[in-house]
Every structure is written in C-alpha cells, then in structure tokens.
Protein backbone atom coordinates (compact mmCIF):
# COMPACT_ATOMS: atom_id res chain seq x y z
CA MET A 1 165.32 -6.32 199.87
CA SER A 2 163.74 -3.14 199.52
CA LEU A 3 161.31 -2.24 196.98
CA ILE A 4 161.95 1.19 196.12
CA THR A 5 165.15 0.84 194.01
CA GLU A 6 165.11 4.56 192.88
CA THR A 7 167.31 7.03 194.38
CA ASN A 8 165.42 11.09 195.42
CA GLN A 9 167.28 12.41 192.97
CA GLN A 10 165.93 9.61 190.57
CA TYR A 11 162.44 9.66 191.22
CA TYR A 12 161.71 13.39 192.15
CA GLN A 13 164.00 15.04 189.50
CA GLY A 14 164.18 12.51 186.93
CA ALA A 15 167.69 12.66 186.58
CA GLN A 16 170.45 10.11 186.85
CA VAL A 17 174.26 11.07 187.16
CA PHE A 18 177.29 8.84 185.68
CA PHE A 19 180.94 9.55 185.54
CA SER A 20 183.28 8.59 182.59
CA ASN A 21 186.35 6.54 183.40
CA ALA A 22 189.80 8.15 183.77
CA ASN A 23 191.09 5.34 181.62
CA ILE A 24 188.51 4.98 178.91
CA PRO A 25 189.15 1.54 177.26
CA THR A 26 189.64 0.86 173.86
CA PRO A 27 187.50 1.09 171.19
CA ASN A 28 186.81 4.20 173.16
CA GLU A 29 183.27 3.03 174.55
CA GLN A 30 181.42 3.40 177.65
CA VAL A 31 178.07 1.75 178.94
CA PHE A 32 175.66 3.48 181.34
CA THR A 33 172.82 1.83 182.66
CA THR A 34 169.98 3.62 183.82
CA THR A 35 168.06 2.15 186.91
CA PHE A 36 165.09 4.32 186.31
CA ASN A 37 161.56 2.63 187.18
CA THR A 38 160.73 4.11 183.38
CA ASP A 39 162.34 2.26 180.57
CA LEU A 40 164.18 4.69 178.37
CA MET A 41 162.22 5.15 174.90
CA TYR A 42 165.02 5.93 172.01
CA GLY A 43 164.25 7.22 168.73
CA ASP A 44 167.41 9.14 167.52
CA HIS A 45 170.24 10.81 168.99
CA ASP A 46 170.32 13.94 166.06
CA PRO A 47 167.80 16.86 167.13
CA ALA A 48 167.79 17.49 163.43
CA ASN A 49 165.82 13.74 162.79
CA VAL A 50 162.57 13.35 163.13
CA LYS A 51 162.65 10.59 165.48
CA TYR A 52 164.41 12.40 167.84
CA ALA A 53 161.38 13.69 169.58
CA LEU A 54 160.38 9.88 170.07
CA ASN A 55 163.20 9.74 173.04
CA ASN A 56 161.79 10.43 176.55
CA PHE A 57 165.03 11.39 177.82
CA LYS A 58 167.60 13.90 177.00
CA LEU A 59 171.49 13.51 177.64
CA TYR A 60 173.90 16.14 179.30
CA THR A 61 177.85 16.14 179.85
CA SER A 62 180.06 18.46 181.96
CA ALA A 63 183.71 18.41 182.60
CA THR A 64 183.11 20.09 185.51
CA GLY A 65 179.89 18.57 187.03
CA LEU A 66 178.69 21.96 188.25
CA PRO A 67 175.74 23.79 187.87
CA GLY A 68 174.87 25.79 184.73
CA SER A 69 177.96 23.78 183.07
CA PHE A 70 176.12 20.82 181.31
CA THR A 71 175.38 20.84 177.53
CA GLU A 72 173.50 18.59 175.31
CA TYR A 73 175.02 15.72 174.41
CA THR A 74 174.06 14.98 170.81
CA ALA A 75 176.98 12.61 169.18
CA ALA A 76 176.64 9.48 168.14
CA TYR A 77 175.08 6.96 170.60
CA THR A 78 172.68 3.78 171.47
CA VAL A 79 170.27 2.58 173.69
CA LEU A 80 169.31 -1.07 174.53
CA ASN A 81 167.67 -2.13 177.42
CA ASN A 82 168.02 0.98 179.43
CA ALA A 83 172.19 0.67 178.60
CA ILE A 84 173.28 3.65 176.52
CA THR A 85 176.52 3.23 174.74
CA LEU A 86 178.56 6.29 174.26
CA THR A 87 181.65 6.37 171.68
CA GLY A 88 184.19 9.21 171.96
CA LEU A 89 183.56 10.30 175.15
CA ALA A 90 186.40 12.72 177.18
CA ALA A 91 188.06 10.85 180.29
CA SER A 92 186.40 12.32 183.54
CA THR A 93 183.12 13.72 182.33
CA TYR A 94 179.90 13.98 184.11
CA VAL A 95 177.36 12.25 181.85
CA VAL A 96 173.29 12.76 183.27
CA VAL A 97 170.48 11.34 181.88
CA GLN A 98 167.57 13.66 182.14
CA LEU A 99 164.23 12.08 181.98
CA LYS A 100 161.63 14.46 180.53
CA THR A 101 159.88 16.20 182.99
CA LEU A 102 157.02 19.69 183.08
CA ASP A 103 159.99 21.96 184.18
CA GLY A 104 162.70 20.90 181.80
CA GLY A 105 164.54 19.19 184.59
CA ASN A 106 167.49 21.02 186.15
CA TYR A 107 170.38 20.53 183.15
CA GLY A 108 170.59 22.13 179.84
CA ASN A 109 168.91 24.98 179.96
CA GLN A 110 165.81 23.26 181.40
CA ASP A 111 164.79 21.96 177.80
CA ALA A 112 163.69 18.27 178.47
CA THR A 113 160.26 19.12 178.75
CA GLY A 114 157.42 16.58 178.73
CA THR A 115 155.71 14.37 181.17
CA THR A 116 157.84 11.48 181.58
CA VAL A 117 158.77 11.75 185.28
CA GLU A 118 155.52 12.99 186.43
CA GLU A 119 153.94 9.66 185.38
CA ASN A 120 156.29 7.90 187.48
CA TYR A 121 154.77 9.86 190.78
CA GLY A 122 152.74 7.96 192.81
CA SER A 123 153.74 4.43 191.14
CA TYR A 124 154.29 2.84 194.22
CA GLU A 125 150.56 2.42 194.21
CA TYR A 126 150.12 0.12 191.83
CA ILE A 127 151.90 -2.97 190.78
CA SER A 128 152.08 -3.79 186.79
CA LEU A 129 149.78 -6.23 185.22
CA ASN A 130 152.66 -8.40 184.16
CA ASP A 131 153.84 -8.67 187.65
CA ALA A 132 150.62 -9.56 188.77
CA ILE A 133 150.48 -12.88 186.37
CA ASP A 134 153.90 -13.27 187.40
CA ASN A 135 152.97 -13.32 191.04
CA PHE A 136 149.97 -15.73 190.40
CA MET A 137 152.23 -18.40 188.42
CA VAL A 138 154.49 -18.38 191.60
CA GLY A 139 151.93 -18.55 194.72
CA TYR A 140 148.95 -20.32 192.91
CA VAL A 141 150.33 -22.56 189.91
CA GLY A 142 152.40 -25.59 190.89
CA ASP A 143 152.52 -28.79 192.84
CA GLY A 144 150.85 -28.96 196.03
CA LYS A 145 149.01 -25.83 195.15
CA ILE A 146 145.17 -25.60 194.16
CA LEU A 147 146.45 -25.21 190.38
CA GLN A 148 148.71 -28.13 189.79
CA LYS A 149 149.28 -26.30 186.00
CA ALA A 150 147.81 -23.41 184.10
CA ASN A 151 148.92 -21.91 181.06
CA LYS A 152 149.89 -18.18 181.34
CA SER A 153 148.01 -17.34 178.31
CA ASP A 154 144.53 -18.41 180.28
CA VAL A 155 145.97 -16.26 183.23
CA LEU A 156 146.72 -13.74 180.93
CA PHE A 157 143.23 -13.60 179.68
CA PHE A 158 141.19 -13.49 183.09
CA ALA A 159 143.63 -11.09 184.31
CA LYS A 160 142.53 -9.01 181.68
CA ARG A 161 138.74 -9.50 181.90
CA SER A 162 139.12 -9.25 185.74
CA LEU A 163 140.91 -5.62 185.65
CA GLN A 164 137.94 -4.83 182.77
CA GLU A 165 135.49 -5.55 185.40
CA PHE A 166 137.24 -3.83 188.21
CA SER A 167 137.45 -0.78 186.51
CA TYR A 168 133.95 -0.56 185.94
CA ASP A 169 132.64 0.06 189.83
CA THR A 170 135.96 -0.84 191.70
CA LEU A 171 139.37 0.74 190.72
CA LYS A 172 139.83 4.46 190.54
CA SER A 173 139.82 4.03 186.72
CA ILE A 174 138.14 7.85 186.26
CA HIS A 175 139.96 9.51 183.38
CA SER A 176 139.34 13.30 183.02
CA LYS A 177 139.75 15.66 179.91
CA GLU A 178 139.42 19.22 179.85
CA LEU A 179 137.91 20.74 176.19
CA ASN A 180 136.57 23.51 174.82
CA ILE A 181 133.24 23.24 173.23
CA PRO A 182 133.33 24.43 169.57
CA PRO A 183 130.55 26.28 167.51
CA SER A 184 129.48 22.92 165.95
CA LEU A 185 128.40 21.88 169.86
CA SER A 186 130.05 18.46 169.52
CA LEU A 187 132.84 16.43 170.71
CA PRO A 188 134.13 13.26 169.93
CA LEU A 189 134.04 10.81 172.44
CA PRO A 190 137.41 10.05 174.13
CA GLN A 191 139.13 7.21 172.05
CA ASP A 192 139.21 5.12 175.45
CA TYR A 193 135.64 5.61 176.52
CA VAL A 194 133.44 3.42 177.65
CA ASN A 195 130.72 5.38 179.58
CA TYR A 196 130.78 9.16 181.27
CA VAL A 197 130.68 9.58 185.01
CA SER A 198 130.25 13.37 184.81
CA ILE A 199 130.50 16.61 182.59
CA CYS A 200 130.72 19.98 183.71
CA TYR A 201 131.81 23.44 182.66
CA ILE A 202 134.31 25.77 184.67
CA ASP A 203 133.52 28.92 185.30
CA GLN A 204 135.61 32.02 185.91
CA LEU A 205 136.65 30.97 189.31
CA GLY A 206 137.57 27.31 188.20
CA VAL A 207 134.28 26.01 189.83
CA LYS A 208 132.74 23.02 188.44
CA ARG A 209 128.91 23.65 187.25
CA PRO A 210 127.44 20.22 186.63
CA ILE A 211 125.95 19.79 183.14
CA TYR A 212 122.96 17.66 183.05
CA PRO A 213 122.01 14.79 180.77
CA ALA A 214 119.15 16.10 178.37
CA SER A 215 117.29 12.55 179.11
CA ASN A 216 113.58 13.01 177.96
CA LEU A 217 114.39 16.41 176.66
CA THR A 218 115.55 15.82 173.38
CA THR A 219 117.63 12.93 171.31
CA SER A 220 119.85 12.08 168.59
CA PRO A 221 118.32 9.89 166.24
CA TYR A 222 120.22 6.91 164.94
CA GLU A 223 119.03 7.07 161.00
CA ASN A 224 118.01 10.19 159.36
CA PRO A 225 116.41 8.75 155.90
CA ILE A 226 115.41 11.21 153.32
CA GLN A 227 111.80 10.95 152.67
CA ASP A 228 109.49 11.45 149.48
CA ALA A 229 106.16 13.36 149.37
CA GLN A 230 104.58 10.00 150.28
CA GLY A 231 106.94 9.72 153.29
CA VAL A 232 108.79 6.91 151.91
CA PRO A 233 112.42 6.85 152.33
CA THR A 234 114.61 6.85 149.10
CA GLN A 235 117.14 5.18 148.19
CA ASP A 236 120.33 5.30 146.11
CA ASN A 237 121.76 3.27 143.04
CA PHE A 238 122.96 0.82 145.45
CA GLY A 239 119.59 0.45 147.51
CA GLU A 240 120.46 1.66 150.47
CA ASN A 241 118.39 4.82 152.07
CA LEU A 242 119.61 8.13 151.61
CA GLU A 243 120.86 10.01 154.65
CA GLY A 244 120.34 13.35 155.47
CA THR A 245 120.96 15.44 158.62
CA SER A 246 118.72 15.88 161.90
CA ILE A 247 116.32 17.86 161.94
CA THR A 248 115.91 17.35 165.54
CA GLU A 249 119.52 17.95 166.16
CA ASN A 250 119.87 21.24 164.54
CA ARG A 251 116.64 22.44 166.37
CA TRP A 252 118.39 21.40 169.88
CA LYS A 253 121.44 23.13 168.52
CA THR A 254 119.59 26.57 168.11
CA ALA A 255 117.27 26.37 170.87
CA ASN A 256 117.39 29.18 173.66
CA ASP A 257 117.81 27.33 176.76
CA THR A 258 116.04 30.07 178.72
CA ILE A 259 112.66 28.97 177.23
CA ILE A 260 113.66 24.71 178.03
CA SER A 261 114.60 26.04 181.99
CA GLN A 262 112.13 28.83 182.21
CA THR A 263 114.39 30.99 183.91
CA PHE A 264 113.47 33.97 181.98
CA PHE A 265 110.55 34.43 184.42
CA ASN A 266 112.86 36.11 186.67
CA ASN A 267 113.86 38.58 184.08
CA ILE A 268 111.64 40.87 184.00
CA ASP A 269 112.32 41.98 179.96
CA ASP A 270 112.75 38.48 178.92
CA TYR A 271 109.11 37.57 181.14
CA ALA A 272 107.24 40.34 179.58
CA TYR A 273 108.59 39.11 175.85
CA TRP A 274 107.70 35.29 176.28
CA ALA A 275 104.02 36.98 178.08
CA ASN A 276 102.97 39.05 174.88
CA TYR A 277 104.44 35.83 172.86
CA TYR A 278 101.75 33.51 174.59
CA GLY A 279 98.99 35.75 175.08
CA PHE A 280 98.80 36.22 178.96
CA ASP A 281 99.09 39.41 181.08
CA ASN A 282 102.76 40.21 181.80
CA SER A 283 102.78 41.34 185.32
CA ILE A 284 100.81 38.27 187.28
CA PHE A 285 103.26 35.56 187.67
CA TYR A 286 106.44 37.50 187.45
CA GLY A 287 109.11 35.75 190.15
CA GLN A 288 106.53 32.91 190.50
CA GLN A 289 107.98 29.70 188.86
CA TYR A 290 104.91 27.34 189.39
CA GLY A 291 104.30 23.68 187.65
CA LEU A 292 108.53 24.07 187.04
CA GLU A 293 110.06 20.84 186.09
CA PRO A 294 112.91 20.24 188.54
CA GLN A 295 115.58 18.49 186.56
CA HIS A 296 114.77 20.97 184.09
CA SER A 297 115.27 23.73 186.14
CA GLN A 298 118.66 24.69 185.80
CA VAL A 299 120.75 27.18 183.93
CA ASN A 300 123.93 24.66 183.29
CA GLY A 301 122.90 23.56 180.18
CA TRP A 302 122.69 19.55 178.95
CA PHE A 303 124.37 16.96 177.08
CA ASN A 304 123.16 14.69 174.85
CA MET A 305 125.01 11.22 173.70
CA ASN A 306 125.10 10.83 170.04
CA ALA A 307 125.34 7.47 169.20
CA ARG A 308 125.26 7.69 165.47
CA GLU A 309 128.18 10.00 165.29
CA GLY A 310 130.18 8.82 168.59
CA LYS A 311 129.88 12.58 169.89
CA ILE A 312 128.65 14.18 172.75
CA SER A 313 126.25 17.28 171.87
CA PHE A 314 125.60 20.24 174.10
CA SER A 315 122.71 22.64 174.39
CA SER A 316 123.28 26.13 172.44
CA SER A 317 124.52 28.10 175.85
CA LEU A 318 127.11 26.09 176.09
CA VAL A 319 129.33 27.08 173.04
CA GLY A 320 132.74 28.33 173.72
CA LYS A 321 132.30 26.77 177.65
CA LEU A 322 135.40 24.87 179.06
CA ILE A 323 134.26 21.64 180.32
CA VAL A 324 136.06 18.92 181.77
CA LEU A 325 134.45 15.22 180.63
CA GLU A 326 134.80 12.41 183.55
CA TYR A 327 134.78 8.93 182.13
CA ILE A 328 135.23 5.32 182.92
CA SER A 329 137.60 3.10 180.66
CA ASP A 330 138.24 -0.64 180.83
CA GLY A 331 142.09 -0.21 181.97
CA LEU A 332 143.44 -1.97 178.94
CA ALA A 333 143.31 0.95 176.36
CA HIS A 334 146.96 2.07 177.39
CA GLU A 335 150.19 0.34 178.64
CA ALA A 336 150.19 3.05 181.30
CA ASP A 337 146.76 1.79 182.26
CA SER A 338 147.01 -1.82 182.78
CA LYS A 339 148.22 -1.44 186.43
CA ILE A 340 146.46 -2.81 189.47
CA PRO A 341 146.56 -0.71 192.84
CA LYS A 342 148.01 -2.89 195.63
CA MET A 343 145.16 -2.74 197.85
CA ALA A 344 143.04 -4.57 195.21
CA GLU A 345 145.73 -7.02 194.04
CA ASP A 346 144.69 -10.07 196.45
CA ALA A 347 140.87 -9.44 194.54
CA LEU A 348 142.84 -9.84 191.31
CA TYR A 349 144.29 -12.83 192.25
CA ALA A 350 140.67 -14.18 193.78
CA SER A 351 139.26 -13.42 190.52
CA ILE A 352 141.84 -15.08 188.47
CA LEU A 353 141.63 -18.15 190.56
CA TYR A 354 137.94 -18.35 190.39
CA ASN A 355 137.43 -17.94 186.77
CA ILE A 356 139.83 -20.56 185.71
CA VAL A 357 138.75 -23.12 188.18
CA SER A 358 135.03 -22.43 186.92
CA THR A 359 136.15 -23.30 183.92
CA ARG A 360 137.58 -26.53 183.93
CA SER A 361 135.60 -29.33 183.42
CA GLY A 362 135.45 -32.21 186.30
CA GLN A 363 135.78 -29.16 188.84
CA GLN A 364 133.95 -30.26 192.03
CA GLU A 365 130.99 -27.64 192.64
CA TYR A 366 132.22 -27.14 196.37
CA ILE A 367 135.37 -25.78 195.10
CA VAL A 368 134.23 -23.65 192.73
CA GLN A 369 131.48 -22.01 194.89
CA ARG A 370 134.29 -21.66 197.66
CA LEU A 371 136.25 -19.72 195.35
CA LYS A 372 133.67 -17.57 194.29
CA ARG A 373 132.72 -16.32 197.87
CA ASP A 374 136.23 -15.94 198.23
CA ARG A 375 136.53 -13.79 195.16
CA SER A 376 133.82 -11.79 196.38
CA ALA A 377 134.83 -10.99 199.89
CA LYS A 378 138.02 -9.65 198.55
CA LEU A 379 136.29 -7.49 196.02
CA ARG A 380 134.37 -6.15 198.54
CA ASN A 381 137.33 -5.14 200.55
CA ALA A 382 139.00 -3.64 197.54
CA LYS A 383 135.83 -1.69 197.20
CA ILE A 384 136.23 -0.66 200.56
CA ARG A 385 139.71 0.05 200.74
CA LEU A 386 139.87 2.10 197.21
CA SER A 387 136.63 4.27 198.46
CA ASN A 388 139.00 6.64 200.29
CA ILE A 389 136.61 7.47 203.15
CA LYS A 390 138.08 9.83 205.64
CA LEU A 391 136.07 10.26 208.95
CA ASP A 392 137.36 13.73 208.97
CA GLU A 393 136.05 14.53 205.90
CA ILE A 394 132.71 12.94 206.68
CA VAL A 395 132.59 15.06 209.85
CA GLN A 396 133.35 18.53 207.84
CA VAL A 397 130.42 17.68 205.18
CA MET A 398 128.03 16.95 207.90
CA ARG A 399 128.58 19.97 210.19
CA GLY A 400 125.15 21.73 210.09
CA LYS A 401 123.20 19.24 208.14
CA SER A 402 121.27 18.63 211.55
CA LYS A 403 117.93 19.84 209.58
CA TRP A 404 114.93 18.05 208.34
CA ILE A 405 115.44 17.23 204.55
CA LYS A 406 112.05 17.26 202.54
CA HIS A 407 111.69 15.11 199.86
C-alpha cells in the first residue's frame, strides 16, 4: 500500500474537487470528505463572523467547473472529522475545497490566502510523534517482545523527553525569525526559545553579517537596587528592595561602537578627534591598529542576553537594522514541531526502549547496558544522516584552501 495518499493537485495546489449528485437525496444534504494530509480547521461559514478567520480553507462552487467560474460558497455548512456537510446544494455542481496558500490558490479570485499548503510541503520527510508512539507499541510491546507490556502514557513521556534531547543537537530543529531592532535596542525572546544559534543583520544586498555576543564587554545585571547615601539598598513598605533602571545597560545603549572596536583608527577625521581627546600625536599611528583585541575588532555590532527582562539587547549601531535570529526550541512547543525526521526514527525507538527498561526495577544490568549502547549507536547514525554532508559542497569550499593557516 502506498504511503502517499494525496494527489498532485492536493499536495501542490491544496485543492480537492468534488461533484454533487445529479439526483440529490432528501433531505437535500450532501457530505464531501477531504483526504488532505492536513486536517480541516473550521470556525464558521459566514465571512461576517469573527470565527470565520479560523478556517484554514475556503469552499468554492461552479455550475460548469471552468476557470474563472468559481464563487465562494458562504451558505450554511458544517465540518466534522474532515467531512463537509452542505445543505441546499444544486444538482451537478462542482465543489472545490481550497486550503489556504500564499498565492491564494487557483479559485475564487485567489482570496484563500494563508500558509496551510506551504506548511505541508516536505511533510513526507517526517513522521508525527503520535504515529511514532503507535509504531513503538506495535513493534516493541507484546508477547515474545522485549517489553511484555508498557503503559502508553510511559511511552508518550519518554518519547517527548527523547524528542527534546534530540532537538538540542541531533534534529534539524533550528527556528529563525526576521525582526527589526527598535529604538529601545531590545527584542523579547521568542516564545519557544531555548538557546540561540546565531544572530546576524541583513545588509542591503541580503547578505548575512554576523553579530557577536558581547561576552566580557558588558553585562545585564539581574538586580538593580536603589541605594541610599551609604550604599545600602532601600526597601518599600513591604520590605522588598526598590528597583531602578540599569545604568550599565543605559551606558551600553548610548556607547559609540567605533570606540569599542577601534575602527576609528582607519578614519582620519575620527582619529584626529580621539587623538586630541587622549592627548597624543594625531599622525603617528593613523592606520596602524596596534594592540587590538580580535574578538572586539569588528564593525557588525554586539548582542547581549538580558536574563532579567527576557530580552536580547543590541549595541547602539544596530538600531533600525533588519536581523535574523536563529535559535533552538525543544520540539514540543507547537503541534507542528512534534514530528521526527524519518532518518532519526529508529534512534527515537531505541531511546524510548532504553529509558523504559532502565527505569524498571529488577532489570538485568547487561540488558540495560546493551540497550544503552544500541541507543548511542543509532543516535550517532541519526546525527550523521541528518548532518546532510555533501561531498561536492565540501570540495567546492576547500578549493583554494591549500595554504597554511596561522593561528
């Protein structure tokens, strides 16, 4: 039996066409069941109702089925388990269920706009968490198998834990957001953020320019108590320390990045100003960047993780810049995230099996150790498979690299 159930029209266009009966039965009601890989989400049939926006699809009808003849169907209908029930539909009518897509689809003046279709692209690469749990119950639990019995709740728990661990260093679980840096120079962390991978700003050519962590340049204090004249923190009526704004952060936001990076040494006007400011000859060292710290000598700017506010703070030169934040989530934040690449499916089963057996009392240690080694081997294989290393790409990068690298 084939694993692909959608037609090309369903997959690429997000559309499925039905044809109503020529002889509509009493009570003048027909049911059309869609077979998309994506479940239908239904809020309301009436565009005037606010819940209508919850629909991830639109209905169109036509008497002829010819291009340009379809109009949106807004009469009353219901949806249950991907089955659409229409009442009062004319005989011999073409009915199209159009999932929302970026270009609006091919029906009804392209007004079914959304991302439902695009979210389904590439879905064959993955298996859902629920399917993985069902497969585990079939393949590993039962008479004559290594697990005589296991609660599905235990399998679900260890499957989620395994998915979280895989997300950190094995699965392709990097999320990215395109954001603009506001005048406040701070951006809140994404809702599903666990750790950052990289942050870069995008220049006018669309090229990524890496932004580096501030590291030992600055910090965001976790507490900013207001002190009295003796330096003792003051308290409110409830005995809690009064908090003020961070002077460190305010100074960082207004700092001149060229002073930190010392890039003004290559600009004669800036150099003359700072040479006079520091009281040395303004012509001796122009263009000679002695004593620079390589980690600080860059012009792309810096970012700093502000744990107190749950934000990312940026240096002053980045105000108004377009950035791309790449970060890791744990794979469980959203329903769409809870899926496993098929190349890591076997590693997931091995991880679930090991965790269940190792937490049971009375298990023989040699069995636990065998399952542990099996899990490690399959996880290593999954990492290699998902690393997506292509020999041709490595060869292209290494061309022209036949020179000594001093460090």
